[in-house]
Amino acid sequence: MSQQQFYETVTKEQEYLETLTEGKKMKSFKELREINVNEFTEKKGNLTYLSWTWAVDTLLQNDPMAVWEFPEPKTYNDTVMVFCNVTAMGKTMRMQLPVMDNRNNAIVNPDTRKISDATMRCLAKCIACFGIGLYIYAGEDLPTIEVDIAPMINGMKQAKTLDELKDSFSVAWKSLTKEPILQAEIRKAYEQLKATLSEGK
């Protein structure tokens, strides 16, 4: 490919990306952090992960020109730390993540599969810095929040049937529309209580 052909190809790609974003306003951090990602997460041991494919898809829907890179991993006493830089929404976010097992412990001498998995999880975590799925990391990076939702959880505990529990949960959920972190806590309590009532049938 000649230099002229390369220039024309890049120009066409830029024009295409401009048509994708034309007339569209990028969502704010506040709007992105309020997206409910619960159905796109997976549980492994004590850890909850957001699907990196879904995180990337959502990011590119909001900024088609978003790009990311993975700096060289670093080794610390036979354990490995991976890194990711994501540029989107006019800024660059950086994140690191140790290669861990499902108990949140660093793996000694991890193989390439473990490093690859950790790298993509690091990408999802870095994307979360833009707001997408940020609340699922609350248990890892923030103290547990019990203020204000304790009465709601106690109210759900009073439910005698699954229908009563569902109604109580629905009221609590709707009252926390602007608080996805608290919604996650309420949903967790709801699922636990639902399982308990189901067993008692």
C-alpha atoms as a PDB file:
ATOM      1  CA  MET A   1       0.000   0.000   0.000  1.00  0.00           C
ATOM      2  CA  SER A   2       1.398   3.370  -1.025  1.00  0.00           C
ATOM      3  CA  GLN A   3       1.534   6.343   1.300  1.00  0.00           C
ATOM      4  CA  GLN A   4      -1.262   8.015  -0.697  1.00  0.00           C
ATOM      5  CA  GLN A   5      -3.489   4.924  -0.453  1.00  0.00           C
ATOM      6  CA  PHE A   6      -2.817   4.688   3.278  1.00  0.00           C
ATOM      7  CA  TYR A   7      -3.766   8.358   3.704  1.00  0.00           C
ATOM      8  CA  GLU A   8      -7.005   7.873   1.732  1.00  0.00           C
ATOM      9  CA  THR A   9      -7.924   4.783   3.785  1.00  0.00           C
ATOM     10  CA  VAL A  10      -7.360   6.584   7.094  1.00  0.00           C
ATOM     11  CA  THR A  11      -9.335   9.583   5.859  1.00  0.00           C
ATOM     12  CA  LYS A  12     -12.301   7.383   4.895  1.00  0.00           C
ATOM     13  CA  GLU A  13     -12.250   5.683   8.311  1.00  0.00           C
ATOM     14  CA  GLN A  14     -12.231   9.039  10.071  1.00  0.00           C
ATOM     15  CA  GLU A  15     -15.135  10.278   7.934  1.00  0.00           C
ATOM     16  CA  TYR A  16     -17.079   7.092   8.731  1.00  0.00           C
ATOM     17  CA  LEU A  17     -16.502   7.491  12.474  1.00  0.00           C
ATOM     18  CA  GLU A  18     -17.620  11.120  12.261  1.00  0.00           C
ATOM     19  CA  THR A  19     -20.910  10.013  10.666  1.00  0.00           C
ATOM     20  CA  LEU A  20     -21.453   7.614  13.574  1.00  0.00           C
ATOM     21  CA  THR A  21     -21.107  10.361  16.169  1.00  0.00           C
ATOM     22  CA  GLU A  22     -22.706  13.176  14.158  1.00  0.00           C
ATOM     23  CA  GLY A  23     -25.611  14.669  16.030  1.00  0.00           C
ATOM     24  CA  LYS A  24     -25.031  12.360  19.002  1.00  0.00           C
ATOM     25  CA  LYS A  25     -24.035  13.675  22.392  1.00  0.00           C
ATOM     26  CA  MET A  26     -21.757  11.411  24.410  1.00  0.00           C
ATOM     27  CA  LYS A  27     -23.265  10.310  27.697  1.00  0.00           C
ATOM     28  CA  SER A  28     -21.887  11.862  30.852  1.00  0.00           C
ATOM     29  CA  PHE A  29     -20.129   9.882  33.575  1.00  0.00           C
ATOM     30  CA  LYS A  30     -23.289  10.174  35.670  1.00  0.00           C
ATOM     31  CA  GLU A  31     -25.377   8.613  32.898  1.00  0.00           C
ATOM     32  CA  LEU A  32     -22.886   5.816  32.230  1.00  0.00           C
ATOM     33  CA  ARG A  33     -22.599   4.858  35.896  1.00  0.00           C
ATOM     34  CA  GLU A  34     -26.365   4.417  36.131  1.00  0.00           C
ATOM     35  CA  ILE A  35     -26.454   1.646  33.496  1.00  0.00           C
ATOM     36  CA  ASN A  36     -27.551  -1.629  35.106  1.00  0.00           C
ATOM     37  CA  VAL A  37     -24.991  -4.290  34.116  1.00  0.00           C
ATOM     38  CA  ASN A  38     -26.074  -7.056  36.510  1.00  0.00           C
ATOM     39  CA  GLU A  39     -27.176  -9.469  33.772  1.00  0.00           C
ATOM     40  CA  PHE A  40     -23.777  -9.161  32.074  1.00  0.00           C
ATOM     41  CA  THR A  41     -21.695 -10.194  35.065  1.00  0.00           C
ATOM     42  CA  GLU A  42     -20.385 -13.597  36.068  1.00  0.00           C
ATOM     43  CA  LYS A  43     -19.429 -14.942  39.461  1.00  0.00           C
ATOM     44  CA  LYS A  44     -16.222 -16.868  40.086  1.00  0.00           C
ATOM     45  CA  GLY A  45     -15.588 -17.737  43.699  1.00  0.00           C
ATOM     46  CA  ASN A  46     -15.879 -14.553  45.748  1.00  0.00           C
ATOM     47  CA  LEU A  47     -15.356 -12.276  42.740  1.00  0.00           C
ATOM     48  CA  THR A  48     -17.864 -10.723  40.348  1.00  0.00           C
ATOM     49  CA  TYR A  49     -16.686  -9.890  36.836  1.00  0.00           C
ATOM     50  CA  LEU A  50     -18.257  -7.733  34.147  1.00  0.00           C
ATOM     51  CA  SER A  51     -18.067  -9.353  30.693  1.00  0.00           C
ATOM     52  CA  TRP A  52     -15.285  -7.543  28.839  1.00  0.00           C
ATOM     53  CA  THR A  53     -17.106  -8.023  25.522  1.00  0.00           C
ATOM     54  CA  TRP A  54     -20.170  -6.238  26.868  1.00  0.00           C
ATOM     55  CA  ALA A  55     -18.029  -3.490  28.424  1.00  0.00           C
ATOM     56  CA  VAL A  56     -16.241  -2.897  25.102  1.00  0.00           C
ATOM     57  CA  ASP A  57     -19.524  -2.937  23.173  1.00  0.00           C
ATOM     58  CA  THR A  58     -21.088  -0.350  25.486  1.00  0.00           C
ATOM     59  CA  LEU A  59     -17.971   1.820  25.409  1.00  0.00           C
ATOM     60  CA  LEU A  60     -17.834   1.851  21.594  1.00  0.00           C
ATOM     61  CA  GLN A  61     -21.542   2.600  21.334  1.00  0.00           C
ATOM     62  CA  ASN A  62     -20.890   5.755  23.335  1.00  0.00           C
ATOM     63  CA  ASP A  63     -17.530   6.617  21.756  1.00  0.00           C
ATOM     64  CA  PRO A  64     -16.753   4.822  18.450  1.00  0.00           C
ATOM     65  CA  MET A  65     -13.243   6.311  18.488  1.00  0.00           C
ATOM     66  CA  ALA A  66     -12.304   4.750  21.832  1.00  0.00           C
ATOM     67  CA  VAL A  67      -8.995   2.840  21.830  1.00  0.00           C
ATOM     68  CA  TRP A  68      -7.050   0.812  24.381  1.00  0.00           C
ATOM     69  CA  GLU A  69      -3.598  -0.644  24.846  1.00  0.00           C
ATOM     70  CA  PHE A  70      -1.905  -3.113  27.151  1.00  0.00           C
ATOM     71  CA  PRO A  71       1.534  -2.063  28.452  1.00  0.00           C
ATOM     72  CA  GLU A  72       4.015  -4.843  29.169  1.00  0.00           C
ATOM     73  CA  PRO A  73       3.083  -6.884  32.292  1.00  0.00           C
ATOM     74  CA  LYS A  74       5.446  -6.654  35.258  1.00  0.00           C
ATOM     75  CA  THR A  75       6.689  -9.462  37.499  1.00  0.00           C
ATOM     76  CA  TYR A  76       6.903  -9.134  41.268  1.00  0.00           C
ATOM     77  CA  ASN A  77       8.355 -12.101  43.179  1.00  0.00           C
ATOM     78  CA  ASP A  78       6.999 -14.645  40.650  1.00  0.00           C
ATOM     79  CA  THR A  79       3.570 -12.951  40.496  1.00  0.00           C
ATOM     80  CA  VAL A  80       2.398 -10.821  37.588  1.00  0.00           C
ATOM     81  CA  MET A  81       0.690  -7.421  37.308  1.00  0.00           C
ATOM     82  CA  VAL A  82      -1.075  -6.517  34.046  1.00  0.00           C
ATOM     83  CA  PHE A  83      -1.915  -3.008  32.855  1.00  0.00           C
ATOM     84  CA  CYS A  84      -4.403  -1.318  30.549  1.00  0.00           C
ATOM     85  CA  ASN A  85      -4.862   2.208  29.192  1.00  0.00           C
ATOM     86  CA  VAL A  86      -8.208   3.227  27.672  1.00  0.00           C
ATOM     87  CA  THR A  87      -8.664   6.490  25.790  1.00  0.00           C
ATOM     88  CA  ALA A  88     -12.288   7.576  25.345  1.00  0.00           C
ATOM     89  CA  MET A  89     -14.588  10.508  25.997  1.00  0.00           C
ATOM     90  CA  GLY A  90     -11.627  12.843  25.512  1.00  0.00           C
ATOM     91  CA  LYS A  91      -9.431  11.388  28.266  1.00  0.00           C
ATOM     92  CA  THR A  92      -7.235   8.403  29.134  1.00  0.00           C
ATOM     93  CA  MET A  93      -7.809   6.126  32.118  1.00  0.00           C
ATOM     94  CA  ARG A  94      -5.163   3.722  33.404  1.00  0.00           C
ATOM     95  CA  MET A  95      -5.664   0.555  35.427  1.00  0.00           C
ATOM     96  CA  GLN A  96      -3.627  -2.327  36.804  1.00  0.00           C
ATOM     97  CA  LEU A  97      -4.654  -5.769  38.026  1.00  0.00           C
ATOM     98  CA  PRO A  98      -2.680  -8.660  39.516  1.00  0.00           C
ATOM     99  CA  VAL A  99      -3.193 -12.099  37.999  1.00  0.00           C
ATOM    100  CA  MET A 100      -5.406 -13.646  40.702  1.00  0.00           C
ATOM    101  CA  ASP A 101      -7.243 -16.835  41.564  1.00  0.00           C
ATOM    102  CA  ASN A 102     -10.929 -16.858  42.552  1.00  0.00           C
ATOM    103  CA  ARG A 103      -9.973 -16.215  46.176  1.00  0.00           C
ATOM    104  CA  ASN A 104      -8.445 -12.870  45.234  1.00  0.00           C
ATOM    105  CA  ASN A 105      -4.890 -14.126  45.804  1.00  0.00           C
ATOM    106  CA  ALA A 106      -2.052 -13.455  43.374  1.00  0.00           C
ATOM    107  CA  ILE A 107      -1.086 -16.552  41.368  1.00  0.00           C
ATOM    108  CA  VAL A 108       2.565 -17.606  41.515  1.00  0.00           C
ATOM    109  CA  ASN A 109       4.069 -18.231  38.060  1.00  0.00           C
ATOM    110  CA  PRO A 110       0.775 -17.839  36.140  1.00  0.00           C
ATOM    111  CA  ASP A 111       0.546 -19.376  32.664  1.00  0.00           C
ATOM    112  CA  THR A 112      -0.358 -17.411  29.528  1.00  0.00           C
ATOM    113  CA  ARG A 113      -4.060 -18.261  29.830  1.00  0.00           C
ATOM    114  CA  LYS A 114      -4.241 -16.782  33.332  1.00  0.00           C
ATOM    115  CA  ILE A 115      -2.370 -13.681  32.173  1.00  0.00           C
ATOM    116  CA  SER A 116      -4.682 -13.304  29.160  1.00  0.00           C
ATOM    117  CA  ASP A 117      -7.809 -13.608  31.324  1.00  0.00           C
ATOM    118  CA  ALA A 118      -6.468 -11.052  33.799  1.00  0.00           C
ATOM    119  CA  THR A 119      -5.606  -8.670  30.956  1.00  0.00           C
ATOM    120  CA  MET A 120      -9.176  -8.659  29.628  1.00  0.00           C
ATOM    121  CA  ARG A 121     -10.562  -8.249  33.147  1.00  0.00           C
ATOM    122  CA  CYS A 122      -8.211  -5.312  33.534  1.00  0.00           C
ATOM    123  CA  LEU A 123      -9.708  -3.837  30.344  1.00  0.00           C
ATOM    124  CA  ALA A 124     -13.233  -4.168  31.758  1.00  0.00           C
ATOM    125  CA  LYS A 125     -12.082  -2.608  35.021  1.00  0.00           C
ATOM    126  CA  CYS A 126     -10.443   0.278  33.185  1.00  0.00           C
ATOM    127  CA  ILE A 127     -13.628   0.864  31.169  1.00  0.00           C
ATOM    128  CA  ALA A 128     -15.492   0.961  34.484  1.00  0.00           C
ATOM    129  CA  CYS A 129     -13.521   4.112  35.326  1.00  0.00           C
ATOM    130  CA  PHE A 130     -15.666   5.850  32.706  1.00  0.00           C
ATOM    131  CA  GLY A 131     -18.748   4.781  34.701  1.00  0.00           C
ATOM    132  CA  ILE A 132     -19.753   1.591  32.847  1.00  0.00           C
ATOM    133  CA  GLY A 133     -20.269  -1.061  35.537  1.00  0.00           C
ATOM    134  CA  LEU A 134     -18.306   0.908  38.105  1.00  0.00           C
ATOM    135  CA  TYR A 135     -20.666  -0.030  40.931  1.00  0.00           C
ATOM    136  CA  ILE A 136     -19.885  -3.759  40.752  1.00  0.00           C
ATOM    137  CA  TYR A 137     -16.426  -2.990  42.126  1.00  0.00           C
ATOM    138  CA  ALA A 138     -17.957  -1.408  45.241  1.00  0.00           C
ATOM    139  CA  GLY A 139     -17.224  -4.481  47.337  1.00  0.00           C
ATOM    140  CA  GLU A 140     -13.605  -4.344  46.270  1.00  0.00           C
ATOM    141  CA  ASP A 141     -12.784  -0.659  46.378  1.00  0.00           C
ATOM    142  CA  LEU A 142     -15.375   0.969  48.656  1.00  0.00           C
ATOM    143  CA  PRO A 143     -16.721   0.319  52.153  1.00  0.00           C
ATOM    144  CA  THR A 144     -20.021  -1.523  52.410  1.00  0.00           C
ATOM    145  CA  ILE A 145     -22.908   0.938  52.395  1.00  0.00           C
ATOM    146  CA  GLU A 146     -25.694   0.166  54.865  1.00  0.00           C
ATOM    147  CA  VAL A 147     -27.026   3.663  55.564  1.00  0.00           C
ATOM    148  CA  ASP A 148     -30.629   4.165  54.406  1.00  0.00           C
ATOM    149  CA  ILE A 149     -31.087   0.669  52.940  1.00  0.00           C
ATOM    150  CA  ALA A 150     -31.145  -1.203  56.262  1.00  0.00           C
ATOM    151  CA  PRO A 151     -34.862  -0.368  56.815  1.00  0.00           C
ATOM    152  CA  MET A 152     -35.616  -1.507  53.244  1.00  0.00           C
ATOM    153  CA  ILE A 153     -33.873  -4.833  53.795  1.00  0.00           C
ATOM    154  CA  ASN A 154     -35.653  -5.260  57.134  1.00  0.00           C
ATOM    155  CA  GLY A 155     -38.939  -4.590  55.330  1.00  0.00           C
ATOM    156  CA  MET A 156     -38.198  -7.348  52.836  1.00  0.00           C
ATOM    157  CA  LYS A 157     -37.375  -9.716  55.701  1.00  0.00           C
ATOM    158  CA  GLN A 158     -40.938  -9.293  56.965  1.00  0.00           C
ATOM    159  CA  ALA A 159     -42.342 -10.786  53.744  1.00  0.00           C
ATOM    160  CA  LYS A 160     -44.153 -14.092  54.270  1.00  0.00           C
ATOM    161  CA  THR A 161     -44.578 -14.973  50.587  1.00  0.00           C
ATOM    162  CA  LEU A 162     -42.596 -14.541  47.391  1.00  0.00           C
ATOM    163  CA  ASP A 163     -45.197 -12.064  46.100  1.00  0.00           C
ATOM    164  CA  GLU A 164     -44.860  -9.915  49.222  1.00  0.00           C
ATOM    165  CA  LEU A 165     -41.078 -10.049  48.900  1.00  0.00           C
ATOM    166  CA  LYS A 166     -41.256  -9.061  45.237  1.00  0.00           C
ATOM    167  CA  ASP A 167     -43.524  -6.103  46.028  1.00  0.00           C
ATOM    168  CA  SER A 168     -41.231  -4.926  48.838  1.00  0.00           C
ATOM    169  CA  PHE A 169     -38.167  -5.272  46.612  1.00  0.00           C
ATOM    170  CA  SER A 170     -39.845  -3.390  43.769  1.00  0.00           C
ATOM    171  CA  VAL A 171     -40.604  -0.402  46.003  1.00  0.00           C
ATOM    172  CA  ALA A 172     -37.050  -0.324  47.350  1.00  0.00           C
ATOM    173  CA  TRP A 173     -35.516  -0.733  43.868  1.00  0.00           C
ATOM    174  CA  LYS A 174     -37.540   2.122  42.353  1.00  0.00           C
ATOM    175  CA  SER A 175     -36.660   4.445  45.238  1.00  0.00           C
ATOM    176  CA  LEU A 176     -32.949   3.917  44.468  1.00  0.00           C
ATOM    177  CA  THR A 177     -33.077   4.619  40.725  1.00  0.00           C
ATOM    178  CA  LYS A 178     -30.206   7.104  40.977  1.00  0.00           C
ATOM    179  CA  GLU A 179     -28.112   4.901  43.278  1.00  0.00           C
ATOM    180  CA  PRO A 180     -26.880   1.803  41.373  1.00  0.00           C
ATOM    181  CA  ILE A 181     -24.473   0.831  44.162  1.00  0.00           C
ATOM    182  CA  LEU A 182     -27.325   0.685  46.669  1.00  0.00           C
ATOM    183  CA  GLN A 183     -29.509  -1.089  44.120  1.00  0.00           C
ATOM    184  CA  ALA A 184     -26.864  -3.804  43.879  1.00  0.00           C
ATOM    185  CA  GLU A 185     -26.984  -4.258  47.672  1.00  0.00           C
ATOM    186  CA  ILE A 186     -30.787  -4.412  47.632  1.00  0.00           C
ATOM    187  CA  ARG A 187     -30.804  -6.973  44.795  1.00  0.00           C
ATOM    188  CA  LYS A 188     -28.278  -9.131  46.659  1.00  0.00           C
ATOM    189  CA  ALA A 189     -30.473  -9.129  49.767  1.00  0.00           C
ATOM    190  CA  TYR A 190     -33.548  -9.864  47.635  1.00  0.00           C
ATOM    191  CA  GLU A 191     -31.945 -12.896  45.970  1.00  0.00           C
ATOM    192  CA  GLN A 192     -30.881 -14.299  49.350  1.00  0.00           C
ATOM    193  CA  LEU A 193     -34.335 -13.833  50.869  1.00  0.00           C
ATOM    194  CA  LYS A 194     -35.977 -15.241  47.756  1.00  0.00           C
ATOM    195  CA  ALA A 195     -33.876 -18.406  48.014  1.00  0.00           C
ATOM    196  CA  THR A 196     -34.765 -18.757  51.692  1.00  0.00           C
ATOM    197  CA  LEU A 197     -38.518 -18.394  51.045  1.00  0.00           C
ATOM    198  CA  SER A 198     -38.338 -20.844  48.134  1.00  0.00           C
ATOM    199  CA  GLU A 199     -36.681 -23.463  50.317  1.00  0.00           C
ATOM    200  CA  GLY A 200     -39.375 -23.054  52.940  1.00  0.00           C
ATOM    201  CA  LYS A 201     -42.185 -23.796  50.485  1.00  0.00           C
END
